[in-house]
Protein backbone atom coordinates (compact mmCIF):
# COMPACT_ATOMS: atom_id res chain seq x y z
CA UNK A 1 -0.81 -70.00 -18.68
CA UNK A 2 -2.09 -72.51 -15.79
CA UNK A 3 -5.38 -73.60 -15.26
CA UNK A 4 -4.26 -71.78 -12.10
CA UNK A 5 -3.58 -68.95 -13.39
CA UNK A 6 -6.61 -68.73 -15.77
CA UNK A 7 -8.97 -69.23 -13.06
CA UNK A 8 -7.18 -66.93 -11.21
CA UNK A 9 -7.03 -63.56 -13.94
CA UNK A 10 -10.37 -64.84 -14.61
CA UNK A 11 -12.37 -63.67 -11.10
CA UNK A 12 -9.79 -60.45 -10.90
CA UNK A 13 -11.31 -59.42 -14.57
CA UNK A 14 -14.68 -60.12 -13.35
CA UNK A 15 -14.21 -58.23 -10.25
CA UNK A 16 -12.77 -55.34 -12.51
CA UNK A 17 -15.61 -55.63 -14.95
CA UNK A 18 -18.19 -54.99 -11.81
CA UNK A 19 -16.34 -52.05 -10.33
CA UNK A 20 -16.59 -50.33 -13.91
CA UNK A 21 -19.61 -51.31 -14.15
CA UNK A 22 -21.11 -49.59 -10.76
CA UNK A 23 -19.08 -46.38 -11.87
CA UNK A 24 -20.97 -43.47 -13.82
CA UNK A 25 -21.42 -43.15 -16.94
CA UNK A 26 -20.02 -39.92 -18.67
CA UNK A 27 -21.78 -38.07 -21.36
CA UNK A 28 -19.19 -38.98 -25.05
CA UNK A 29 -19.51 -36.95 -27.50
CA UNK A 30 -21.84 -38.71 -29.47
CA UNK A 31 -23.96 -38.31 -26.71
CA UNK A 32 -24.54 -34.77 -27.70
CA UNK A 33 -26.55 -33.04 -29.85
CA UNK A 34 -25.82 -30.74 -32.75
CA UNK A 35 -27.65 -28.00 -30.75
CA UNK A 36 -25.81 -28.30 -27.72
CA UNK A 37 -22.65 -28.61 -29.39
CA UNK A 38 -21.09 -25.74 -30.50
CA UNK A 39 -18.03 -24.17 -32.29
CA UNK A 40 -17.24 -20.94 -32.45
CA UNK A 41 -14.60 -19.94 -35.04
CA UNK A 42 -13.74 -17.05 -36.10
CA UNK A 43 -13.30 -16.00 -40.26
CA UNK A 44 -10.97 -17.39 -41.54
CA UNK A 45 -9.36 -14.01 -43.54
CA UNK A 46 -5.79 -13.03 -44.25
CA UNK A 47 -4.37 -9.80 -42.67
CA UNK A 48 -0.97 -8.63 -43.39
CA UNK A 49 1.81 -7.55 -40.53
CA UNK A 50 2.86 -4.44 -39.73
CA UNK A 51 6.18 -5.59 -38.44
CA UNK A 52 8.78 -5.48 -40.82
CA UNK A 53 11.21 -8.51 -41.95
CA UNK A 54 13.77 -7.03 -39.59
CA UNK A 55 11.54 -6.66 -36.15
CA UNK A 56 9.71 -10.57 -36.83
CA UNK A 57 13.70 -11.87 -37.05
CA UNK A 58 14.38 -9.73 -34.08
CA UNK A 59 13.05 -12.74 -31.98
CA UNK A 60 14.48 -15.30 -33.23
CA UNK A 61 17.39 -17.09 -31.44
CA UNK A 62 20.23 -17.37 -34.74
CA UNK A 63 19.13 -15.59 -38.09
CA UNK A 64 21.17 -14.98 -41.30
CA UNK A 65 19.98 -11.87 -41.78
CA UNK A 66 16.92 -12.84 -44.09
CA UNK A 67 15.75 -15.87 -42.71
CA UNK A 68 15.70 -18.21 -39.40
CA UNK A 69 18.32 -20.71 -38.55
CA UNK A 70 17.40 -24.28 -37.27
CA UNK A 71 18.90 -27.12 -36.32
CA UNK A 72 19.43 -29.38 -39.19
CA UNK A 73 17.10 -32.74 -39.21
CA UNK A 74 17.31 -34.62 -42.10
CA UNK A 75 21.42 -34.06 -41.93
CA UNK A 76 23.12 -31.82 -43.13
CA UNK A 77 24.95 -28.49 -41.46
CA UNK A 78 25.24 -28.33 -37.49
């Protein structure tokens, strides 16, 4: 960079940093106290589906009768 460019960009950077200093500081996730940060998660448990395989496959755009067909990712058939 030329000395003129350094001077120009230094001035612009100072203006930007002065503007940023004037902006309000929103709280970050690190500012939250454990008592205010709550996670409402449900218990993770397995449940059986009442739908048959054919009912579930009926929602897929393409099937081979027992599986959902998707485009090949790593070569293979198209």
